[in-house]
Amino acid sequence: MARLRDPNHGCPWDREQTYATIVPHTIEEAYEVADAIAREDWAELRDELGDLLFQVVFYAQIAREEGRFEFEDVARGIVEKMTRRHPHVFADARYADADEQTAAWERLKAAEKAESPTGVLEGVPLALPALTRAVKLQKKASKVGFDWGALEPILAKIEEEIGEIRHEITTRAPAERLADELGDVLFAVANLARHLKLDPEAALRGTNQKFERRFRRIEQWLAEDGRAPAQSTLAEMDALWDRAKIAEKPT
C-alpha cells in the first residue's frame, strides 16, 4: 500500500484517494463478502475478505501519512477492545447465559462511549442501509421504553400504514407524499423484523435471490419455446411463475 501511494513512483489513482473517496468501495466490498456467504462460495469468500482487508489497509496508510495512526494501532485497538468486552473469557466474569452476556456487552459499550447527552438516537451511522439503520434507531428508542412489547400492535401499525398509502394512491397524491408513506410502511416492517429477531436486510436479500431464481426459470422455459419474456403475456408468465414455485417445493 505504501508503494501504491508513493508520491513519485506509485499509482496515480491510489495517490489521489482520500478517506471519503474510498468509502463507496468499502461498502461495495462488504456487500460482496455478504454475497459470497449467501451463495456459500468459500473460494470467492476468501478473495472478497482479502479485498475488504485491503480497504482497511488503505485507510490505515492514509492515516499513517498524516501522522494519525498506523495499521498496527488498528489491530492493537480491536484486540484490546475485544479483551475488555469479554471479561467472561479473558477475566473472571461469569454470565448465566447468552442473554445476560449480551446485556453486559451493551453496558460495557455504553460505559466506553459515555453515551452522548445530546440524544438517545446518537451514534447510528447515516451511511448504513436504510432498513438496518431503522432497526438500530428502533433498538436505541427501545432502551428508554419507546417500544411495543408484543407483535399484534406492530402488525396493526403495518396495516394502518398500508391503509394510508392506499389512500394516497387513490387520491393521486404527489410522489413525495407517496415516498413518505412508503417509508412509513418499510419502517414498520423493519420493526416487525426486529421483534421477530430477524435481519430485514438478510430477509430481503433472500427474497431477491428467490425472485431471480424463479424468473430465470421463466426465461428458460420460454426460451425452450423459442420466445423471450417480452414476447409472452403476463398471464403466461404468471402461470410459469406458479410452476417454478411448485418445482421448488420439497417432494
C-alpha atoms as a PDB file:
ATOM      1  CA  MET A   1       0.000   0.000   0.000  1.00  0.00           C
ATOM      2  CA  ALA A   2       2.890   2.334   0.758  1.00  0.00           C
ATOM      3  CA  ARG A   3       4.299   1.609  -2.704  1.00  0.00           C
ATOM      4  CA  LEU A   4       0.916   2.256  -4.342  1.00  0.00           C
ATOM      5  CA  ARG A   5       0.677   5.595  -2.528  1.00  0.00           C
ATOM      6  CA  ASP A   6       4.300   6.632  -3.139  1.00  0.00           C
ATOM      7  CA  PRO A   7       4.281  10.274  -4.373  1.00  0.00           C
ATOM      8  CA  ASN A   8       6.930   9.654  -7.009  1.00  0.00           C
ATOM      9  CA  HIS A   9       6.538   6.059  -8.189  1.00  0.00           C
ATOM     10  CA  GLY A  10       3.076   4.999  -7.019  1.00  0.00           C
ATOM     11  CA  CYS A  11      -0.222   4.521  -8.839  1.00  0.00           C
ATOM     12  CA  PRO A  12      -1.851   7.839  -9.843  1.00  0.00           C
ATOM     13  CA  TRP A  13      -5.327   6.583  -8.901  1.00  0.00           C
ATOM     14  CA  ASP A  14      -4.271   5.302  -5.477  1.00  0.00           C
ATOM     15  CA  ARG A  15      -2.366   8.520  -4.733  1.00  0.00           C
ATOM     16  CA  GLU A  16      -5.489  10.596  -5.413  1.00  0.00           C
ATOM     17  CA  GLN A  17      -7.744   8.723  -2.991  1.00  0.00           C
ATOM     18  CA  THR A  18      -8.946  10.099   0.351  1.00  0.00           C
ATOM     19  CA  TYR A  19     -10.890   8.592   3.242  1.00  0.00           C
ATOM     20  CA  ALA A  20     -14.131   9.849   1.685  1.00  0.00           C
ATOM     21  CA  THR A  21     -13.473   8.570  -1.841  1.00  0.00           C
ATOM     22  CA  ILE A  22     -12.717   5.052  -0.605  1.00  0.00           C
ATOM     23  CA  VAL A  23     -15.939   4.716   1.401  1.00  0.00           C
ATOM     24  CA  PRO A  24     -18.157   3.575  -1.546  1.00  0.00           C
ATOM     25  CA  HIS A  25     -15.605   0.887  -2.406  1.00  0.00           C
ATOM     26  CA  THR A  26     -15.540  -0.301   1.217  1.00  0.00           C
ATOM     27  CA  ILE A  27     -19.328  -0.607   1.312  1.00  0.00           C
ATOM     28  CA  GLU A  28     -19.317  -2.474  -2.010  1.00  0.00           C
ATOM     29  CA  GLU A  29     -16.649  -4.900  -0.776  1.00  0.00           C
ATOM     30  CA  ALA A  30     -18.633  -5.587   2.412  1.00  0.00           C
ATOM     31  CA  TYR A  31     -21.679  -6.447   0.309  1.00  0.00           C
ATOM     32  CA  GLU A  32     -19.582  -8.732  -1.873  1.00  0.00           C
ATOM     33  CA  VAL A  33     -18.462 -10.580   1.268  1.00  0.00           C
ATOM     34  CA  ALA A  34     -22.127 -10.994   2.260  1.00  0.00           C
ATOM     35  CA  ASP A  35     -22.983 -12.186  -1.258  1.00  0.00           C
ATOM     36  CA  ALA A  36     -20.245 -14.840  -1.257  1.00  0.00           C
ATOM     37  CA  ILE A  37     -21.503 -16.132   2.096  1.00  0.00           C
ATOM     38  CA  ALA A  38     -25.121 -16.202   0.880  1.00  0.00           C
ATOM     39  CA  ARG A  39     -24.042 -18.260  -2.132  1.00  0.00           C
ATOM     40  CA  GLU A  40     -21.741 -20.415   0.033  1.00  0.00           C
ATOM     41  CA  ASP A  41     -18.896 -19.756  -2.408  1.00  0.00           C
ATOM     42  CA  TRP A  42     -15.996 -20.230   0.003  1.00  0.00           C
ATOM     43  CA  ALA A  43     -13.216 -19.687  -2.522  1.00  0.00           C
ATOM     44  CA  GLU A  44     -14.767 -16.374  -3.506  1.00  0.00           C
ATOM     45  CA  LEU A  45     -15.278 -15.507   0.174  1.00  0.00           C
ATOM     46  CA  ARG A  46     -11.533 -15.852   0.705  1.00  0.00           C
ATOM     47  CA  ASP A  47     -10.894 -13.423  -2.152  1.00  0.00           C
ATOM     48  CA  GLU A  48     -13.579 -10.974  -1.019  1.00  0.00           C
ATOM     49  CA  LEU A  49     -12.217 -10.942   2.531  1.00  0.00           C
ATOM     50  CA  GLY A  50      -8.851 -10.013   1.033  1.00  0.00           C
ATOM     51  CA  ASP A  51     -10.494  -7.133  -0.835  1.00  0.00           C
ATOM     52  CA  LEU A  52     -12.164  -5.972   2.383  1.00  0.00           C
ATOM     53  CA  LEU A  53      -8.905  -6.200   4.302  1.00  0.00           C
ATOM     54  CA  PHE A  54      -7.275  -4.114   1.572  1.00  0.00           C
ATOM     55  CA  GLN A  55      -9.774  -1.352   2.343  1.00  0.00           C
ATOM     56  CA  VAL A  56      -8.679  -1.337   5.998  1.00  0.00           C
ATOM     57  CA  VAL A  57      -5.036  -1.178   4.941  1.00  0.00           C
ATOM     58  CA  PHE A  58      -5.841   1.691   2.561  1.00  0.00           C
ATOM     59  CA  TYR A  59      -7.407   3.823   5.327  1.00  0.00           C
ATOM     60  CA  ALA A  60      -4.559   2.990   7.692  1.00  0.00           C
ATOM     61  CA  GLN A  61      -1.943   4.014   5.117  1.00  0.00           C
ATOM     62  CA  ILE A  62      -3.582   7.402   4.576  1.00  0.00           C
ATOM     63  CA  ALA A  63      -3.713   7.868   8.352  1.00  0.00           C
ATOM     64  CA  ARG A  64      -0.043   6.900   8.604  1.00  0.00           C
ATOM     65  CA  GLU A  65       0.899   9.504   6.005  1.00  0.00           C
ATOM     66  CA  GLU A  66      -0.997  12.107   8.000  1.00  0.00           C
ATOM     67  CA  GLY A  67       0.629  11.065  11.266  1.00  0.00           C
ATOM     68  CA  ARG A  68      -2.662   9.974  12.837  1.00  0.00           C
ATOM     69  CA  PHE A  69      -2.174   6.226  13.424  1.00  0.00           C
ATOM     70  CA  GLU A  70      -0.868   3.071  11.739  1.00  0.00           C
ATOM     71  CA  PHE A  71      -2.270  -0.327  10.817  1.00  0.00           C
ATOM     72  CA  GLU A  72      -0.685  -1.846  13.933  1.00  0.00           C
ATOM     73  CA  ASP A  73      -2.649   0.624  16.060  1.00  0.00           C
ATOM     74  CA  VAL A  74      -5.883  -0.523  14.413  1.00  0.00           C
ATOM     75  CA  ALA A  75      -5.102  -4.187  15.120  1.00  0.00           C
ATOM     76  CA  ARG A  76      -3.955  -3.469  18.672  1.00  0.00           C
ATOM     77  CA  GLY A  77      -7.076  -1.396  19.346  1.00  0.00           C
ATOM     78  CA  ILE A  78      -9.522  -4.146  18.331  1.00  0.00           C
ATOM     79  CA  VAL A  79      -7.599  -6.738  20.371  1.00  0.00           C
ATOM     80  CA  GLU A  80      -7.786  -4.511  23.444  1.00  0.00           C
ATOM     81  CA  LYS A  81     -11.495  -3.816  22.872  1.00  0.00           C
ATOM     82  CA  MET A  82     -12.426  -7.476  22.437  1.00  0.00           C
ATOM     83  CA  THR A  83     -10.400  -8.416  25.533  1.00  0.00           C
ATOM     84  CA  ARG A  84     -12.092  -5.677  27.556  1.00  0.00           C
ATOM     85  CA  ARG A  85     -15.591  -6.603  26.362  1.00  0.00           C
ATOM     86  CA  HIS A  86     -15.142 -10.328  27.038  1.00  0.00           C
ATOM     87  CA  PRO A  87     -14.340 -10.431  30.751  1.00  0.00           C
ATOM     88  CA  HIS A  88     -16.012 -13.855  30.894  1.00  0.00           C
ATOM     89  CA  VAL A  89     -13.304 -15.154  28.558  1.00  0.00           C
ATOM     90  CA  PHE A  90     -10.217 -13.102  29.447  1.00  0.00           C
ATOM     91  CA  ALA A  91     -11.016 -12.370  33.125  1.00  0.00           C
ATOM     92  CA  ASP A  92     -13.146 -13.819  35.928  1.00  0.00           C
ATOM     93  CA  ALA A  93     -16.660 -12.621  34.996  1.00  0.00           C
ATOM     94  CA  ARG A  94     -19.437 -15.217  34.820  1.00  0.00           C
ATOM     95  CA  TYR A  95     -22.756 -14.965  32.981  1.00  0.00           C
ATOM     96  CA  ALA A  96     -25.730 -17.307  33.266  1.00  0.00           C
ATOM     97  CA  ASP A  97     -26.483 -17.380  29.538  1.00  0.00           C
ATOM     98  CA  ALA A  98     -26.025 -15.584  26.211  1.00  0.00           C
ATOM     99  CA  ASP A  99     -28.762 -13.029  27.027  1.00  0.00           C
ATOM    100  CA  GLU A 100     -27.020 -11.977  30.230  1.00  0.00           C
ATOM    101  CA  GLN A 101     -23.700 -11.755  28.388  1.00  0.00           C
ATOM    102  CA  THR A 102     -25.289  -9.606  25.658  1.00  0.00           C
ATOM    103  CA  ALA A 103     -26.731  -7.236  28.270  1.00  0.00           C
ATOM    104  CA  ALA A 104     -23.298  -6.950  29.892  1.00  0.00           C
ATOM    105  CA  TRP A 105     -21.749  -6.257  26.461  1.00  0.00           C
ATOM    106  CA  GLU A 106     -24.158  -3.370  25.907  1.00  0.00           C
ATOM    107  CA  ARG A 107     -23.369  -1.950  29.360  1.00  0.00           C
ATOM    108  CA  LEU A 108     -19.652  -2.066  28.603  1.00  0.00           C
ATOM    109  CA  LYS A 109     -20.183  -0.343  25.247  1.00  0.00           C
ATOM    110  CA  ALA A 110     -22.270   2.378  26.867  1.00  0.00           C
ATOM    111  CA  ALA A 111     -19.663   2.928  29.557  1.00  0.00           C
ATOM    112  CA  GLU A 112     -16.879   3.157  26.970  1.00  0.00           C
ATOM    113  CA  LYS A 113     -18.753   5.659  24.832  1.00  0.00           C
ATOM    114  CA  ALA A 114     -20.223   7.573  27.793  1.00  0.00           C
ATOM    115  CA  GLU A 115     -23.384   7.949  25.725  1.00  0.00           C
ATOM    116  CA  SER A 116     -23.856  11.404  24.344  1.00  0.00           C
ATOM    117  CA  PRO A 117     -26.176  13.644  26.380  1.00  0.00           C
ATOM    118  CA  THR A 118     -27.440  15.205  23.131  1.00  0.00           C
ATOM    119  CA  GLY A 119     -29.941  12.439  22.450  1.00  0.00           C
ATOM    120  CA  VAL A 120     -30.912   8.778  22.722  1.00  0.00           C
ATOM    121  CA  LEU A 121     -30.526   8.167  18.970  1.00  0.00           C
ATOM    122  CA  GLU A 122     -26.940   9.439  18.664  1.00  0.00           C
ATOM    123  CA  GLY A 123     -24.307   7.176  17.151  1.00  0.00           C
ATOM    124  CA  VAL A 124     -26.313   5.443  14.411  1.00  0.00           C
ATOM    125  CA  PRO A 125     -24.300   5.932  11.181  1.00  0.00           C
ATOM    126  CA  LEU A 126     -26.109   7.708   8.350  1.00  0.00           C
ATOM    127  CA  ALA A 127     -24.389   5.547   5.733  1.00  0.00           C
ATOM    128  CA  LEU A 128     -25.984   2.289   6.928  1.00  0.00           C
ATOM    129  CA  PRO A 129     -28.508   0.615   4.616  1.00  0.00           C
ATOM    130  CA  ALA A 130     -31.885   2.161   5.412  1.00  0.00           C
ATOM    131  CA  LEU A 131     -33.531  -0.990   6.812  1.00  0.00           C
ATOM    132  CA  THR A 132     -30.524  -1.726   9.025  1.00  0.00           C
ATOM    133  CA  ARG A 133     -30.457   1.862  10.255  1.00  0.00           C
ATOM    134  CA  ALA A 134     -34.187   1.710  11.018  1.00  0.00           C
ATOM    135  CA  VAL A 135     -33.639  -1.331  13.239  1.00  0.00           C
ATOM    136  CA  LYS A 136     -30.740   0.339  15.057  1.00  0.00           C
ATOM    137  CA  LEU A 137     -32.766   3.510  15.667  1.00  0.00           C
ATOM    138  CA  GLN A 138     -35.640   1.412  16.995  1.00  0.00           C
ATOM    139  CA  LYS A 139     -33.303  -0.504  19.315  1.00  0.00           C
ATOM    140  CA  LYS A 140     -31.975   2.760  20.726  1.00  0.00           C
ATOM    141  CA  ALA A 141     -35.503   4.051  21.370  1.00  0.00           C
ATOM    142  CA  SER A 142     -36.482   0.691  22.880  1.00  0.00           C
ATOM    143  CA  LYS A 143     -33.842   1.075  25.597  1.00  0.00           C
ATOM    144  CA  VAL A 144     -35.774   4.007  27.067  1.00  0.00           C
ATOM    145  CA  GLY A 145     -39.149   2.255  26.800  1.00  0.00           C
ATOM    146  CA  PHE A 146     -40.324   3.643  23.442  1.00  0.00           C
ATOM    147  CA  ASP A 147     -41.377   0.281  22.044  1.00  0.00           C
ATOM    148  CA  TRP A 148     -44.270  -2.138  21.748  1.00  0.00           C
ATOM    149  CA  GLY A 149     -43.939  -5.252  23.846  1.00  0.00           C
ATOM    150  CA  ALA A 150     -45.932  -7.512  21.534  1.00  0.00           C
ATOM    151  CA  LEU A 151     -46.331  -8.343  17.858  1.00  0.00           C
ATOM    152  CA  GLU A 152     -50.029  -7.512  17.457  1.00  0.00           C
ATOM    153  CA  PRO A 153     -49.661  -3.707  17.734  1.00  0.00           C
ATOM    154  CA  ILE A 154     -46.826  -3.846  15.200  1.00  0.00           C
ATOM    155  CA  LEU A 155     -48.913  -5.834  12.732  1.00  0.00           C
ATOM    156  CA  ALA A 156     -51.760  -3.382  13.273  1.00  0.00           C
ATOM    157  CA  LYS A 157     -49.376  -0.496  12.592  1.00  0.00           C
ATOM    158  CA  ILE A 158     -48.268  -2.104   9.316  1.00  0.00           C
ATOM    159  CA  GLU A 159     -51.914  -2.472   8.268  1.00  0.00           C
ATOM    160  CA  GLU A 160     -52.552   1.161   9.244  1.00  0.00           C
ATOM    161  CA  GLU A 161     -49.605   2.378   7.174  1.00  0.00           C
ATOM    162  CA  ILE A 162     -50.706   0.295   4.183  1.00  0.00           C
ATOM    163  CA  GLY A 163     -54.157   1.870   4.505  1.00  0.00           C
ATOM    164  CA  GLU A 164     -52.591   5.327   4.465  1.00  0.00           C
ATOM    165  CA  ILE A 165     -50.542   4.685   1.343  1.00  0.00           C
ATOM    166  CA  ARG A 166     -53.601   3.154  -0.334  1.00  0.00           C
ATOM    167  CA  HIS A 167     -55.464   6.392   0.405  1.00  0.00           C
ATOM    168  CA  GLU A 168     -52.617   8.478  -1.056  1.00  0.00           C
ATOM    169  CA  ILE A 169     -52.624   6.362  -4.212  1.00  0.00           C
ATOM    170  CA  THR A 170     -56.401   6.657  -4.548  1.00  0.00           C
ATOM    171  CA  THR A 171     -56.286  10.445  -4.174  1.00  0.00           C
ATOM    172  CA  ARG A 172     -53.380  10.693  -6.648  1.00  0.00           C
ATOM    173  CA  ALA A 173     -51.022  12.230  -4.091  1.00  0.00           C
ATOM    174  CA  PRO A 174     -47.717  13.668  -5.339  1.00  0.00           C
ATOM    175  CA  ALA A 175     -44.598  11.496  -5.404  1.00  0.00           C
ATOM    176  CA  GLU A 176     -43.127  12.994  -2.228  1.00  0.00           C
ATOM    177  CA  ARG A 177     -46.265  12.051  -0.259  1.00  0.00           C
ATOM    178  CA  LEU A 178     -46.168   8.523  -1.652  1.00  0.00           C
ATOM    179  CA  ALA A 179     -42.479   8.233  -0.764  1.00  0.00           C
ATOM    180  CA  ASP A 180     -43.216   9.432   2.779  1.00  0.00           C
ATOM    181  CA  GLU A 181     -45.990   6.873   3.283  1.00  0.00           C
ATOM    182  CA  LEU A 182     -43.953   4.083   1.696  1.00  0.00           C
ATOM    183  CA  GLY A 183     -41.125   4.904   4.092  1.00  0.00           C
ATOM    184  CA  ASP A 184     -43.570   4.544   6.997  1.00  0.00           C
ATOM    185  CA  VAL A 185     -44.579   1.080   5.743  1.00  0.00           C
ATOM    186  CA  LEU A 186     -40.958  -0.032   5.450  1.00  0.00           C
ATOM    187  CA  PHE A 187     -40.093   1.382   8.885  1.00  0.00           C
ATOM    188  CA  ALA A 188     -42.984  -0.569  10.429  1.00  0.00           C
ATOM    189  CA  VAL A 189     -41.884  -3.747   8.627  1.00  0.00           C
ATOM    190  CA  ALA A 190     -38.330  -3.252   9.943  1.00  0.00           C
ATOM    191  CA  ASN A 191     -39.836  -3.003  13.433  1.00  0.00           C
ATOM    192  CA  LEU A 192     -41.639  -6.317  12.903  1.00  0.00           C
ATOM    193  CA  ALA A 193     -38.365  -7.920  11.793  1.00  0.00           C
ATOM    194  CA  ARG A 194     -36.634  -6.619  14.927  1.00  0.00           C
ATOM    195  CA  HIS A 195     -39.276  -8.116  17.209  1.00  0.00           C
ATOM    196  CA  LEU A 196     -39.055 -11.418  15.312  1.00  0.00           C
ATOM    197  CA  LYS A 197     -35.254 -11.272  15.813  1.00  0.00           C
ATOM    198  CA  LEU A 198     -34.760 -11.329  12.041  1.00  0.00           C
ATOM    199  CA  ASP A 199     -32.467  -9.181   9.926  1.00  0.00           C
ATOM    200  CA  PRO A 200     -34.686  -7.377   7.380  1.00  0.00           C
ATOM    201  CA  GLU A 201     -31.729  -6.862   5.019  1.00  0.00           C
ATOM    202  CA  ALA A 202     -30.981 -10.601   5.037  1.00  0.00           C
ATOM    203  CA  ALA A 203     -34.660 -11.424   4.595  1.00  0.00           C
ATOM    204  CA  LEU A 204     -34.938  -9.124   1.577  1.00  0.00           C
ATOM    205  CA  ARG A 205     -31.693 -10.463   0.095  1.00  0.00           C
ATOM    206  CA  GLY A 206     -33.174 -13.947   0.327  1.00  0.00           C
ATOM    207  CA  THR A 207     -36.344 -12.833  -1.429  1.00  0.00           C
ATOM    208  CA  ASN A 208     -34.306 -11.100  -4.139  1.00  0.00           C
ATOM    209  CA  GLN A 209     -32.412 -14.331  -4.757  1.00  0.00           C
ATOM    210  CA  LYS A 210     -35.671 -16.283  -4.858  1.00  0.00           C
ATOM    211  CA  PHE A 211     -37.146 -13.829  -7.385  1.00  0.00           C
ATOM    212  CA  GLU A 212     -34.046 -14.081  -9.603  1.00  0.00           C
ATOM    213  CA  ARG A 213     -34.073 -17.869  -9.441  1.00  0.00           C
ATOM    214  CA  ARG A 214     -37.738 -18.171 -10.376  1.00  0.00           C
ATOM    215  CA  PHE A 215     -37.658 -15.523 -13.088  1.00  0.00           C
ATOM    216  CA  ARG A 216     -34.664 -17.202 -14.710  1.00  0.00           C
ATOM    217  CA  ARG A 217     -36.693 -20.400 -14.827  1.00  0.00           C
ATOM    218  CA  ILE A 218     -39.442 -18.500 -16.612  1.00  0.00           C
ATOM    219  CA  GLU A 219     -36.863 -17.240 -19.128  1.00  0.00           C
ATOM    220  CA  GLN A 220     -35.517 -20.765 -19.583  1.00  0.00           C
ATOM    221  CA  TRP A 221     -38.948 -22.282 -20.210  1.00  0.00           C
ATOM    222  CA  LEU A 222     -39.893 -19.519 -22.634  1.00  0.00           C
ATOM    223  CA  ALA A 223     -36.563 -19.944 -24.453  1.00  0.00           C
ATOM    224  CA  GLU A 224     -37.350 -23.642 -24.888  1.00  0.00           C
ATOM    225  CA  ASP A 225     -40.500 -22.466 -26.689  1.00  0.00           C
ATOM    226  CA  GLY A 226     -38.445 -20.079 -28.828  1.00  0.00           C
ATOM    227  CA  ARG A 227     -39.627 -16.915 -27.097  1.00  0.00           C
ATOM    228  CA  ALA A 228     -38.378 -14.190 -24.779  1.00  0.00           C
ATOM    229  CA  PRO A 229     -40.351 -12.692 -21.837  1.00  0.00           C
ATOM    230  CA  ALA A 230     -41.213  -9.618 -23.918  1.00  0.00           C
ATOM    231  CA  GLN A 231     -42.928 -11.935 -26.435  1.00  0.00           C
ATOM    232  CA  SER A 232     -45.210 -13.532 -23.825  1.00  0.00           C
ATOM    233  CA  THR A 233     -48.191 -12.306 -21.839  1.00  0.00           C
ATOM    234  CA  LEU A 234     -48.432 -11.585 -18.119  1.00  0.00           C
ATOM    235  CA  ALA A 235     -50.856 -14.494 -17.753  1.00  0.00           C
ATOM    236  CA  GLU A 236     -48.334 -16.865 -19.343  1.00  0.00           C
ATOM    237  CA  MET A 237     -45.507 -15.641 -17.120  1.00  0.00           C
ATOM    238  CA  ASP A 238     -47.750 -15.855 -14.047  1.00  0.00           C
ATOM    239  CA  ALA A 239     -48.524 -19.489 -14.857  1.00  0.00           C
ATOM    240  CA  LEU A 240     -44.826 -20.235 -15.294  1.00  0.00           C
ATOM    241  CA  TRP A 241     -44.092 -18.448 -12.004  1.00  0.00           C
ATOM    242  CA  ASP A 242     -46.533 -20.773 -10.236  1.00  0.00           C
ATOM    243  CA  ARG A 243     -44.865 -23.709 -11.973  1.00  0.00           C
ATOM    244  CA  ALA A 244     -41.464 -22.515 -10.711  1.00  0.00           C
ATOM    245  CA  LYS A 245     -42.841 -22.254  -7.160  1.00  0.00           C
ATOM    246  CA  ILE A 246     -44.178 -25.800  -7.320  1.00  0.00           C
ATOM    247  CA  ALA A 247     -40.884 -27.057  -8.723  1.00  0.00           C
ATOM    248  CA  GLU A 248     -39.047 -25.654  -5.663  1.00  0.00           C
ATOM    249  CA  LYS A 249     -41.287 -27.369  -3.113  1.00  0.00           C
ATOM    250  CA  PRO A 250     -39.680 -30.398  -1.464  1.00  0.00           C
ATOM    251  CA  THR A 251     -41.134 -33.699  -2.612  1.00  0.00           C
END
